[in-house]
């Protein structure tokens, strides 16, 4: 087993612009990559039509990818699942670099899947 050291953590102490950074907009639901004012990221699921996916489960997640001396690696993931129903839910948060401190050394994305199907994801965002 090869041990890959993670990039040094450097949680920002505020002053990121909070809001949506990327999204997958479907007809009856959306999955968004969100950033907080303290530079952490989470994924937000919003379901508008309570009837469209009845009987299905949906899982959504946020991932953090960091640049290390050995290449890019997913270093943190937070996910959540629910059965189909109208509403809005968030995953837990993953760390993020303060934008001017280590620009380009980490990226984030949001993904979703139905039941145990394959993942659909936003592009990796370096923001």
C-alpha atoms as a PDB file:
ATOM      1  CA  UNK A   1       0.000   0.000   0.000  1.00  0.00           C
ATOM      2  CA  UNK A   2       1.350   3.403  -0.980  1.00  0.00           C
ATOM      3  CA  UNK A   3       0.884   6.235   1.468  1.00  0.00           C
ATOM      4  CA  UNK A   4       0.120   9.557  -0.178  1.00  0.00           C
ATOM      5  CA  UNK A   5       0.596  12.613   2.032  1.00  0.00           C
ATOM      6  CA  UNK A   6      -2.219  15.086   1.849  1.00  0.00           C
ATOM      7  CA  UNK A   7      -1.639  18.734   1.159  1.00  0.00           C
ATOM      8  CA  UNK A   8      -1.221  20.738   4.341  1.00  0.00           C
ATOM      9  CA  UNK A   9      -4.616  21.858   5.670  1.00  0.00           C
ATOM     10  CA  UNK A  10      -5.165  25.601   5.555  1.00  0.00           C
ATOM     11  CA  UNK A  11      -8.747  26.359   6.439  1.00  0.00           C
ATOM     12  CA  UNK A  12      -9.500  29.962   5.635  1.00  0.00           C
ATOM     13  CA  UNK A  13     -10.614  32.289   8.376  1.00  0.00           C
ATOM     14  CA  UNK A  14     -13.469  33.920   6.479  1.00  0.00           C
ATOM     15  CA  UNK A  15     -13.971  36.317   3.592  1.00  0.00           C
ATOM     16  CA  UNK A  16     -14.939  33.965   0.788  1.00  0.00           C
ATOM     17  CA  UNK A  17     -17.973  34.976  -1.249  1.00  0.00           C
ATOM     18  CA  UNK A  18     -20.751  32.591  -0.251  1.00  0.00           C
ATOM     19  CA  UNK A  19     -23.117  31.190  -2.868  1.00  0.00           C
ATOM     20  CA  UNK A  20     -23.586  28.690  -5.664  1.00  0.00           C
ATOM     21  CA  UNK A  21     -20.435  27.855  -7.628  1.00  0.00           C
ATOM     22  CA  UNK A  22     -21.712  25.168 -10.029  1.00  0.00           C
ATOM     23  CA  UNK A  23     -24.956  23.279 -10.566  1.00  0.00           C
ATOM     24  CA  UNK A  24     -26.657  20.418 -12.342  1.00  0.00           C
ATOM     25  CA  UNK A  25     -30.123  21.705 -13.227  1.00  0.00           C
ATOM     26  CA  UNK A  26     -32.583  18.971 -14.155  1.00  0.00           C
ATOM     27  CA  UNK A  27     -36.292  19.523 -14.901  1.00  0.00           C
ATOM     28  CA  UNK A  28     -37.585  18.700 -11.432  1.00  0.00           C
ATOM     29  CA  UNK A  29     -34.493  18.922  -9.191  1.00  0.00           C
ATOM     30  CA  UNK A  30     -31.064  20.503  -8.903  1.00  0.00           C
ATOM     31  CA  UNK A  31     -27.767  19.686  -7.231  1.00  0.00           C
ATOM     32  CA  UNK A  32     -25.560  22.682  -6.502  1.00  0.00           C
ATOM     33  CA  UNK A  33     -21.983  23.146  -5.318  1.00  0.00           C
ATOM     34  CA  UNK A  34     -22.160  25.793  -2.603  1.00  0.00           C
ATOM     35  CA  UNK A  35     -19.413  27.766  -0.832  1.00  0.00           C
ATOM     36  CA  UNK A  36     -19.722  29.328   2.620  1.00  0.00           C
ATOM     37  CA  UNK A  37     -18.213  32.629   3.742  1.00  0.00           C
ATOM     38  CA  UNK A  38     -15.561  30.625   5.647  1.00  0.00           C
ATOM     39  CA  UNK A  39     -14.444  28.895   2.404  1.00  0.00           C
ATOM     40  CA  UNK A  40     -15.954  25.476   3.091  1.00  0.00           C
ATOM     41  CA  UNK A  41     -18.045  23.703   0.440  1.00  0.00           C
ATOM     42  CA  UNK A  42     -21.195  21.585   0.478  1.00  0.00           C
ATOM     43  CA  UNK A  43     -23.678  20.135  -1.973  1.00  0.00           C
ATOM     44  CA  UNK A  44     -27.327  21.225  -1.941  1.00  0.00           C
ATOM     45  CA  UNK A  45     -30.162  19.092  -3.336  1.00  0.00           C
ATOM     46  CA  UNK A  46     -33.472  20.788  -4.177  1.00  0.00           C
ATOM     47  CA  UNK A  47     -36.456  18.730  -5.356  1.00  0.00           C
ATOM     48  CA  UNK A  48     -39.367  20.696  -6.824  1.00  0.00           C
ATOM     49  CA  UNK A  49     -41.720  17.925  -8.026  1.00  0.00           C
ATOM     50  CA  UNK A  50     -42.698  15.490  -5.251  1.00  0.00           C
ATOM     51  CA  UNK A  51     -44.230  12.985  -7.689  1.00  0.00           C
ATOM     52  CA  UNK A  52     -41.614  12.623 -10.450  1.00  0.00           C
ATOM     53  CA  UNK A  53     -39.261  10.206  -8.662  1.00  0.00           C
ATOM     54  CA  UNK A  54     -41.595   8.452  -6.232  1.00  0.00           C
ATOM     55  CA  UNK A  55     -40.021   5.208  -4.994  1.00  0.00           C
ATOM     56  CA  UNK A  56     -36.478   6.295  -5.897  1.00  0.00           C
ATOM     57  CA  UNK A  57     -33.648   7.230  -3.606  1.00  0.00           C
ATOM     58  CA  UNK A  58     -31.152   9.921  -4.517  1.00  0.00           C
ATOM     59  CA  UNK A  59     -27.658  10.339  -3.128  1.00  0.00           C
ATOM     60  CA  UNK A  60     -25.679  13.540  -3.565  1.00  0.00           C
ATOM     61  CA  UNK A  61     -22.178  14.509  -2.483  1.00  0.00           C
ATOM     62  CA  UNK A  62     -19.485  17.149  -2.442  1.00  0.00           C
ATOM     63  CA  UNK A  63     -15.867  16.195  -3.152  1.00  0.00           C
ATOM     64  CA  UNK A  64     -12.594  18.012  -2.584  1.00  0.00           C
ATOM     65  CA  UNK A  65      -9.581  17.247  -4.766  1.00  0.00           C
ATOM     66  CA  UNK A  66      -6.146  18.505  -3.711  1.00  0.00           C
ATOM     67  CA  UNK A  67      -2.900  18.879  -5.606  1.00  0.00           C
ATOM     68  CA  UNK A  68      -0.061  16.980  -3.951  1.00  0.00           C
ATOM     69  CA  UNK A  69       3.508  16.295  -5.054  1.00  0.00           C
ATOM     70  CA  UNK A  70       2.118  13.005  -6.438  1.00  0.00           C
ATOM     71  CA  UNK A  71      -0.753  14.492  -8.459  1.00  0.00           C
ATOM     72  CA  UNK A  72      -4.419  15.278  -7.813  1.00  0.00           C
ATOM     73  CA  UNK A  73      -6.282  13.193  -5.199  1.00  0.00           C
ATOM     74  CA  UNK A  74      -9.782  13.270  -3.744  1.00  0.00           C
ATOM     75  CA  UNK A  75      -9.051  13.977  -0.098  1.00  0.00           C
ATOM     76  CA  UNK A  76     -12.501  14.607   1.351  1.00  0.00           C
ATOM     77  CA  UNK A  77     -16.090  13.621   0.498  1.00  0.00           C
ATOM     78  CA  UNK A  78     -19.401  14.271   2.258  1.00  0.00           C
ATOM     79  CA  UNK A  79     -22.572  12.590   0.998  1.00  0.00           C
ATOM     80  CA  UNK A  80     -26.208  12.249   1.942  1.00  0.00           C
ATOM     81  CA  UNK A  81     -29.181  10.174   0.730  1.00  0.00           C
ATOM     82  CA  UNK A  82     -32.942  10.528   0.853  1.00  0.00           C
ATOM     83  CA  UNK A  83     -36.037   9.040  -0.689  1.00  0.00           C
ATOM     84  CA  UNK A  84     -37.687  11.247  -3.302  1.00  0.00           C
ATOM     85  CA  UNK A  85     -39.756  14.065  -1.764  1.00  0.00           C
ATOM     86  CA  UNK A  86     -40.087  17.806  -2.300  1.00  0.00           C
ATOM     87  CA  UNK A  87     -37.645  19.895  -0.272  1.00  0.00           C
ATOM     88  CA  UNK A  88     -34.057  21.054   0.030  1.00  0.00           C
ATOM     89  CA  UNK A  89     -31.165  19.383   1.900  1.00  0.00           C
ATOM     90  CA  UNK A  90     -27.419  19.945   2.330  1.00  0.00           C
ATOM     91  CA  UNK A  91     -24.484  17.592   2.789  1.00  0.00           C
ATOM     92  CA  UNK A  92     -21.882  18.243   5.443  1.00  0.00           C
ATOM     93  CA  UNK A  93     -19.020  20.587   4.537  1.00  0.00           C
ATOM     94  CA  UNK A  94     -15.526  19.883   3.223  1.00  0.00           C
ATOM     95  CA  UNK A  95     -12.535  22.172   3.598  1.00  0.00           C
ATOM     96  CA  UNK A  96     -11.415  24.687   0.990  1.00  0.00           C
ATOM     97  CA  UNK A  97      -8.372  26.889   0.542  1.00  0.00           C
ATOM     98  CA  UNK A  98      -8.818  30.628   0.915  1.00  0.00           C
ATOM     99  CA  UNK A  99      -8.875  31.806  -2.739  1.00  0.00           C
ATOM    100  CA  UNK A 100      -5.737  33.982  -2.639  1.00  0.00           C
ATOM    101  CA  UNK A 101      -3.693  31.728  -0.339  1.00  0.00           C
ATOM    102  CA  UNK A 102      -3.320  28.572  -2.456  1.00  0.00           C
ATOM    103  CA  UNK A 103      -5.116  29.359  -5.700  1.00  0.00           C
ATOM    104  CA  UNK A 104      -5.157  26.302  -7.892  1.00  0.00           C
ATOM    105  CA  UNK A 105      -4.224  23.739  -5.228  1.00  0.00           C
ATOM    106  CA  UNK A 106      -7.715  22.430  -4.572  1.00  0.00           C
ATOM    107  CA  UNK A 107     -10.930  21.907  -6.552  1.00  0.00           C
ATOM    108  CA  UNK A 108     -14.476  20.919  -5.653  1.00  0.00           C
ATOM    109  CA  UNK A 109     -17.465  19.347  -7.378  1.00  0.00           C
ATOM    110  CA  UNK A 110     -21.029  18.211  -6.633  1.00  0.00           C
ATOM    111  CA  UNK A 111     -22.503  14.896  -7.813  1.00  0.00           C
ATOM    112  CA  UNK A 112     -25.702  12.875  -7.603  1.00  0.00           C
ATOM    113  CA  UNK A 113     -26.997   9.413  -8.451  1.00  0.00           C
ATOM    114  CA  UNK A 114     -30.304   7.588  -8.326  1.00  0.00           C
ATOM    115  CA  UNK A 115     -30.568   4.368  -6.334  1.00  0.00           C
ATOM    116  CA  UNK A 116     -27.181   2.673  -6.889  1.00  0.00           C
ATOM    117  CA  UNK A 117     -26.619   4.042 -10.406  1.00  0.00           C
ATOM    118  CA  UNK A 118     -23.662   5.906 -11.816  1.00  0.00           C
ATOM    119  CA  UNK A 119     -22.676   9.399 -10.671  1.00  0.00           C
ATOM    120  CA  UNK A 120     -23.421  12.594 -12.605  1.00  0.00           C
ATOM    121  CA  UNK A 121     -21.107  15.437 -11.544  1.00  0.00           C
ATOM    122  CA  UNK A 122     -20.361  19.077 -12.167  1.00  0.00           C
ATOM    123  CA  UNK A 123     -16.930  19.925 -13.529  1.00  0.00           C
ATOM    124  CA  UNK A 124     -14.171  20.339 -10.959  1.00  0.00           C
ATOM    125  CA  UNK A 125     -14.308  23.977  -9.874  1.00  0.00           C
ATOM    126  CA  UNK A 126     -11.198  25.907  -8.857  1.00  0.00           C
ATOM    127  CA  UNK A 127     -12.823  28.849  -7.142  1.00  0.00           C
END
